[in-house]
Amino acid sequence: MSDLTINVEFSGGMELLFNNVRQHKIILPAKSDASQPATLRDLIFHIRDTMMTEKKDLFVEKDTVRPGILVLINNVDWELCDEIEYQLEDKDEIVFISTLHGG
C-alpha cells in the first residue's frame, strides 16, 4: 500500500491548537481501513487523533470540522470539491482557516 504526502496549513488562529506550527507535512495511507481511497474525512480524523492533545472540540464537531473553519483544497473552497468526501491525492494542499475571532 502506498502513502500520500499531504501539505496541511493552519491559519487564522488554528495554529494555536498545533503548538503555533502553521505548516505540516502529513503522511497518510492512500487507502482507508476499508480499502477505499483516503478522503478528507480520513485526514481530519488523523489530525484529531494524532496531532491534537487537547481542545479537539475547537477543530472537530461530530464527523467534520466545526462551523467557522474555512477549508481550502488546493486553494479551492472545499464546498466545490465534495467537502469531507474529497478523495485525497498525493501532494494535495489542505488549508484550515478559522473565521471565528474573539472580540
N, C-alpha and C. Protein backbone atom coordinates (compact mmCIF):
# COMPACT_ATOMS: atom_id res chain seq x y z
N MET A 1 0.84 -1.17 0.00
CA MET A 1 0.00 0.00 0.00
C MET A 1 0.89 1.24 0.00
N SER A 2 0.56 2.18 -0.84
CA SER A 2 1.37 3.40 -0.91
C SER A 2 0.82 4.46 0.03
N ASP A 3 1.62 5.49 0.21
CA ASP A 3 1.24 6.58 1.09
C ASP A 3 1.07 7.86 0.29
N LEU A 4 0.32 8.79 0.87
CA LEU A 4 0.14 10.11 0.31
C LEU A 4 0.87 11.12 1.20
N THR A 5 1.49 12.10 0.58
CA THR A 5 2.07 13.21 1.33
C THR A 5 1.14 14.39 1.15
N ILE A 6 0.57 14.84 2.26
CA ILE A 6 -0.40 15.94 2.23
C ILE A 6 0.20 17.13 2.97
N ASN A 7 0.21 18.28 2.33
CA ASN A 7 0.68 19.52 2.96
C ASN A 7 -0.51 20.20 3.61
N VAL A 8 -0.42 20.40 4.91
CA VAL A 8 -1.52 20.98 5.68
C VAL A 8 -1.05 22.28 6.32
N GLU A 9 -1.92 23.28 6.26
CA GLU A 9 -1.62 24.56 6.90
C GLU A 9 -2.79 24.98 7.77
N PHE A 10 -2.48 25.54 8.94
CA PHE A 10 -3.48 26.06 9.86
C PHE A 10 -3.27 27.56 9.97
N SER A 11 -4.37 28.33 9.89
CA SER A 11 -4.26 29.79 9.90
C SER A 11 -5.44 30.40 10.64
N GLY A 12 -5.39 31.71 10.84
CA GLY A 12 -6.48 32.42 11.48
C GLY A 12 -6.65 32.08 12.95
N GLY A 13 -5.58 31.62 13.57
CA GLY A 13 -5.64 31.22 14.97
C GLY A 13 -5.66 29.72 15.17
N MET A 14 -5.94 28.96 14.12
CA MET A 14 -5.95 27.49 14.21
C MET A 14 -4.59 26.94 14.63
N GLU A 15 -3.52 27.64 14.24
CA GLU A 15 -2.17 27.16 14.55
C GLU A 15 -1.93 27.07 16.06
N LEU A 16 -2.70 27.82 16.85
CA LEU A 16 -2.56 27.76 18.30
C LEU A 16 -2.89 26.37 18.85
N LEU A 17 -3.71 25.63 18.12
CA LEU A 17 -4.07 24.27 18.54
C LEU A 17 -2.96 23.27 18.21
N PHE A 18 -1.96 23.72 17.45
CA PHE A 18 -0.89 22.84 16.97
C PHE A 18 0.48 23.42 17.31
N ASN A 19 0.64 23.83 18.55
CA ASN A 19 1.91 24.36 19.06
C ASN A 19 2.46 25.52 18.24
N ASN A 20 1.57 26.35 17.72
CA ASN A 20 1.94 27.51 16.91
C ASN A 20 2.71 27.14 15.64
N VAL A 21 2.55 25.92 15.18
CA VAL A 21 3.17 25.49 13.92
C VAL A 21 2.09 25.55 12.84
N ARG A 22 2.33 26.38 11.84
CA ARG A 22 1.33 26.58 10.79
C ARG A 22 1.35 25.50 9.73
N GLN A 23 2.53 25.07 9.33
CA GLN A 23 2.62 24.14 8.20
C GLN A 23 3.09 22.77 8.67
N HIS A 24 2.42 21.75 8.14
CA HIS A 24 2.73 20.37 8.48
C HIS A 24 2.73 19.53 7.21
N LYS A 25 3.60 18.56 7.17
CA LYS A 25 3.62 17.59 6.08
C LYS A 25 3.16 16.28 6.70
N ILE A 26 2.02 15.77 6.24
CA ILE A 26 1.41 14.59 6.83
C ILE A 26 1.48 13.43 5.84
N ILE A 27 1.95 12.30 6.33
CA ILE A 27 1.99 11.08 5.53
C ILE A 27 0.76 10.26 5.94
N LEU A 28 -0.04 9.91 4.95
CA LEU A 28 -1.30 9.22 5.20
C LEU A 28 -1.40 8.04 4.24
N PRO A 29 -1.91 6.89 4.69
CA PRO A 29 -2.10 5.78 3.76
C PRO A 29 -3.04 6.18 2.62
N ALA A 30 -2.74 5.73 1.42
CA ALA A 30 -3.56 6.07 0.25
C ALA A 30 -4.94 5.42 0.32
N LYS A 31 -5.06 4.36 1.10
CA LYS A 31 -6.34 3.67 1.26
C LYS A 31 -6.74 3.69 2.73
N SER A 32 -8.04 3.82 2.97
CA SER A 32 -8.56 3.79 4.35
C SER A 32 -8.59 2.35 4.84
N ASP A 33 -9.02 2.15 6.08
CA ASP A 33 -9.12 0.80 6.64
C ASP A 33 -10.04 -0.08 5.82
N ALA A 34 -11.02 0.50 5.17
CA ALA A 34 -11.99 -0.26 4.37
C ALA A 34 -11.51 -0.41 2.92
N SER A 35 -10.22 -0.16 2.68
CA SER A 35 -9.61 -0.26 1.34
C SER A 35 -10.22 0.69 0.33
N GLN A 36 -10.80 1.77 0.81
CA GLN A 36 -11.32 2.82 -0.05
C GLN A 36 -10.27 3.92 -0.16
N PRO A 37 -10.28 4.72 -1.23
CA PRO A 37 -9.33 5.82 -1.33
C PRO A 37 -9.47 6.75 -0.12
N ALA A 38 -8.34 7.24 0.37
CA ALA A 38 -8.35 8.14 1.53
C ALA A 38 -9.08 9.44 1.18
N THR A 39 -9.89 9.90 2.13
CA THR A 39 -10.68 11.11 1.92
C THR A 39 -10.25 12.20 2.91
N LEU A 40 -10.81 13.38 2.71
CA LEU A 40 -10.55 14.47 3.63
C LEU A 40 -11.00 14.09 5.04
N ARG A 41 -12.05 13.30 5.16
CA ARG A 41 -12.50 12.83 6.48
C ARG A 41 -11.37 12.05 7.16
N ASP A 42 -10.71 11.17 6.42
CA ASP A 42 -9.60 10.39 7.00
C ASP A 42 -8.50 11.33 7.49
N LEU A 43 -8.21 12.36 6.73
CA LEU A 43 -7.17 13.32 7.13
C LEU A 43 -7.58 14.07 8.40
N ILE A 44 -8.83 14.52 8.45
CA ILE A 44 -9.31 15.24 9.63
C ILE A 44 -9.24 14.36 10.87
N PHE A 45 -9.65 13.11 10.75
CA PHE A 45 -9.57 12.19 11.90
C PHE A 45 -8.13 11.93 12.29
N HIS A 46 -7.24 11.81 11.31
CA HIS A 46 -5.83 11.60 11.58
C HIS A 46 -5.26 12.80 12.36
N ILE A 47 -5.59 14.00 11.91
CA ILE A 47 -5.13 15.20 12.61
C ILE A 47 -5.66 15.21 14.03
N ARG A 48 -6.95 14.97 14.18
CA ARG A 48 -7.56 14.97 15.51
C ARG A 48 -6.93 13.92 16.43
N ASP A 49 -6.72 12.73 15.91
CA ASP A 49 -6.29 11.61 16.74
C ASP A 49 -4.78 11.57 17.00
N THR A 50 -3.98 12.15 16.11
CA THR A 50 -2.53 12.02 16.27
C THR A 50 -1.80 13.33 16.54
N MET A 51 -2.41 14.45 16.21
CA MET A 51 -1.70 15.72 16.34
C MET A 51 -2.23 16.59 17.47
N MET A 52 -3.41 16.29 17.95
CA MET A 52 -4.03 17.14 18.98
C MET A 52 -4.04 16.42 20.32
N THR A 53 -3.72 17.14 21.37
CA THR A 53 -3.75 16.55 22.70
C THR A 53 -4.88 17.13 23.54
N GLU A 54 -5.35 18.32 23.16
CA GLU A 54 -6.44 18.94 23.92
C GLU A 54 -7.24 19.85 23.01
N LYS A 55 -8.39 20.26 23.48
CA LYS A 55 -9.28 21.18 22.76
C LYS A 55 -9.66 20.67 21.38
N LYS A 56 -9.82 19.36 21.26
CA LYS A 56 -10.19 18.77 19.97
C LYS A 56 -11.53 19.31 19.46
N ASP A 57 -12.39 19.71 20.40
CA ASP A 57 -13.70 20.23 20.02
C ASP A 57 -13.61 21.58 19.31
N LEU A 58 -12.46 22.24 19.38
CA LEU A 58 -12.29 23.50 18.65
C LEU A 58 -11.95 23.27 17.18
N PHE A 59 -11.66 22.02 16.83
CA PHE A 59 -11.34 21.67 15.45
C PHE A 59 -12.42 20.78 14.82
N VAL A 60 -12.86 19.77 15.57
CA VAL A 60 -13.80 18.79 15.03
C VAL A 60 -15.10 18.81 15.83
N GLU A 61 -16.20 18.75 15.10
CA GLU A 61 -17.51 18.62 15.71
C GLU A 61 -18.23 17.51 14.97
N LYS A 62 -18.62 16.47 15.70
CA LYS A 62 -19.20 15.26 15.12
C LYS A 62 -18.19 14.66 14.17
N ASP A 63 -18.52 14.52 12.90
CA ASP A 63 -17.61 13.87 11.95
C ASP A 63 -16.98 14.82 10.95
N THR A 64 -16.92 16.11 11.27
CA THR A 64 -16.38 17.08 10.33
C THR A 64 -15.74 18.24 11.10
N VAL A 65 -15.18 19.20 10.38
CA VAL A 65 -14.63 20.37 11.07
C VAL A 65 -15.79 21.21 11.59
N ARG A 66 -15.52 21.94 12.65
CA ARG A 66 -16.59 22.77 13.24
C ARG A 66 -16.98 23.90 12.30
N PRO A 67 -18.20 24.36 12.46
CA PRO A 67 -18.60 25.55 11.70
C PRO A 67 -17.67 26.71 12.06
N GLY A 68 -17.39 27.55 11.08
CA GLY A 68 -16.49 28.68 11.31
C GLY A 68 -15.07 28.40 10.88
N ILE A 69 -14.82 27.20 10.37
CA ILE A 69 -13.50 26.88 9.84
C ILE A 69 -13.63 26.74 8.33
N LEU A 70 -12.92 27.60 7.62
CA LEU A 70 -12.89 27.54 6.17
C LEU A 70 -11.85 26.51 5.76
N VAL A 71 -12.21 25.64 4.84
CA VAL A 71 -11.29 24.60 4.37
C VAL A 71 -11.04 24.82 2.88
N LEU A 72 -9.76 24.91 2.54
CA LEU A 72 -9.37 25.04 1.14
C LEU A 72 -8.62 23.79 0.71
N ILE A 73 -8.99 23.28 -0.45
CA ILE A 73 -8.30 22.13 -1.04
C ILE A 73 -7.61 22.64 -2.30
N ASN A 74 -6.30 22.67 -2.28
CA ASN A 74 -5.53 23.20 -3.40
C ASN A 74 -6.06 24.59 -3.82
N ASN A 75 -6.27 25.45 -2.81
CA ASN A 75 -6.73 26.83 -2.98
C ASN A 75 -8.15 26.98 -3.49
N VAL A 76 -8.96 25.93 -3.36
CA VAL A 76 -10.37 25.97 -3.78
C VAL A 76 -11.23 25.63 -2.56
N ASP A 77 -12.31 26.38 -2.37
CA ASP A 77 -13.24 26.12 -1.26
C ASP A 77 -13.71 24.67 -1.33
N TRP A 78 -13.66 23.98 -0.20
CA TRP A 78 -14.00 22.56 -0.19
C TRP A 78 -15.44 22.29 -0.59
N GLU A 79 -16.31 23.29 -0.50
CA GLU A 79 -17.70 23.11 -0.92
C GLU A 79 -17.80 22.83 -2.42
N LEU A 80 -16.77 23.19 -3.17
CA LEU A 80 -16.74 22.91 -4.60
C LEU A 80 -16.03 21.60 -4.92
N CYS A 81 -15.55 20.91 -3.87
CA CYS A 81 -14.72 19.71 -4.06
C CYS A 81 -15.24 18.50 -3.27
N ASP A 82 -16.53 18.36 -3.10
CA ASP A 82 -17.13 17.22 -2.38
C ASP A 82 -16.89 17.26 -0.87
N GLU A 83 -16.45 18.39 -0.35
CA GLU A 83 -16.24 18.59 1.09
C GLU A 83 -15.51 17.40 1.72
N ILE A 84 -16.10 16.81 2.74
CA ILE A 84 -15.44 15.77 3.54
C ILE A 84 -15.17 14.49 2.75
N GLU A 85 -15.90 14.28 1.65
CA GLU A 85 -15.74 13.08 0.83
C GLU A 85 -14.67 13.23 -0.25
N TYR A 86 -14.03 14.38 -0.32
CA TYR A 86 -12.98 14.61 -1.32
C TYR A 86 -11.91 13.53 -1.20
N GLN A 87 -11.58 12.88 -2.31
CA GLN A 87 -10.55 11.86 -2.32
C GLN A 87 -9.18 12.52 -2.44
N LEU A 88 -8.38 12.30 -1.42
CA LEU A 88 -7.05 12.92 -1.37
C LEU A 88 -6.14 12.39 -2.47
N GLU A 89 -5.26 13.26 -2.93
CA GLU A 89 -4.25 12.90 -3.91
C GLU A 89 -2.89 13.31 -3.36
N ASP A 90 -1.86 12.60 -3.79
CA ASP A 90 -0.51 12.91 -3.33
C ASP A 90 -0.18 14.37 -3.63
N LYS A 91 0.42 15.03 -2.66
CA LYS A 91 0.86 16.43 -2.76
C LYS A 91 -0.29 17.44 -2.67
N ASP A 92 -1.48 17.01 -2.27
CA ASP A 92 -2.57 17.97 -2.05
C ASP A 92 -2.16 18.97 -0.99
N GLU A 93 -2.72 20.18 -1.09
CA GLU A 93 -2.52 21.22 -0.09
C GLU A 93 -3.87 21.52 0.54
N ILE A 94 -3.97 21.28 1.84
CA ILE A 94 -5.21 21.50 2.57
C ILE A 94 -4.96 22.59 3.60
N VAL A 95 -5.79 23.63 3.57
CA VAL A 95 -5.64 24.76 4.49
C VAL A 95 -6.91 24.87 5.34
N PHE A 96 -6.71 24.98 6.65
CA PHE A 96 -7.80 25.19 7.59
C PHE A 96 -7.64 26.59 8.16
N ILE A 97 -8.67 27.44 7.97
CA ILE A 97 -8.61 28.83 8.43
C ILE A 97 -9.79 29.09 9.36
N SER A 98 -9.50 29.50 10.58
CA SER A 98 -10.56 29.87 11.50
C SER A 98 -11.10 31.24 11.11
N THR A 99 -12.42 31.33 11.01
CA THR A 99 -13.04 32.63 10.74
C THR A 99 -13.66 33.20 12.00
N LEU A 100 -13.47 32.51 13.13
CA LEU A 100 -14.01 32.97 14.41
C LEU A 100 -12.91 33.63 15.21
N HIS A 101 -13.16 34.82 15.68
CA HIS A 101 -12.16 35.55 16.45
C HIS A 101 -12.82 36.18 17.66
N GLY A 102 -12.07 36.27 18.73
CA GLY A 102 -12.59 36.91 19.94
C GLY A 102 -12.73 38.42 19.74
N GLY A 103 -13.51 39.02 20.60
CA GLY A 103 -13.71 40.44 20.40
C GLY A 103 -13.48 41.22 21.66
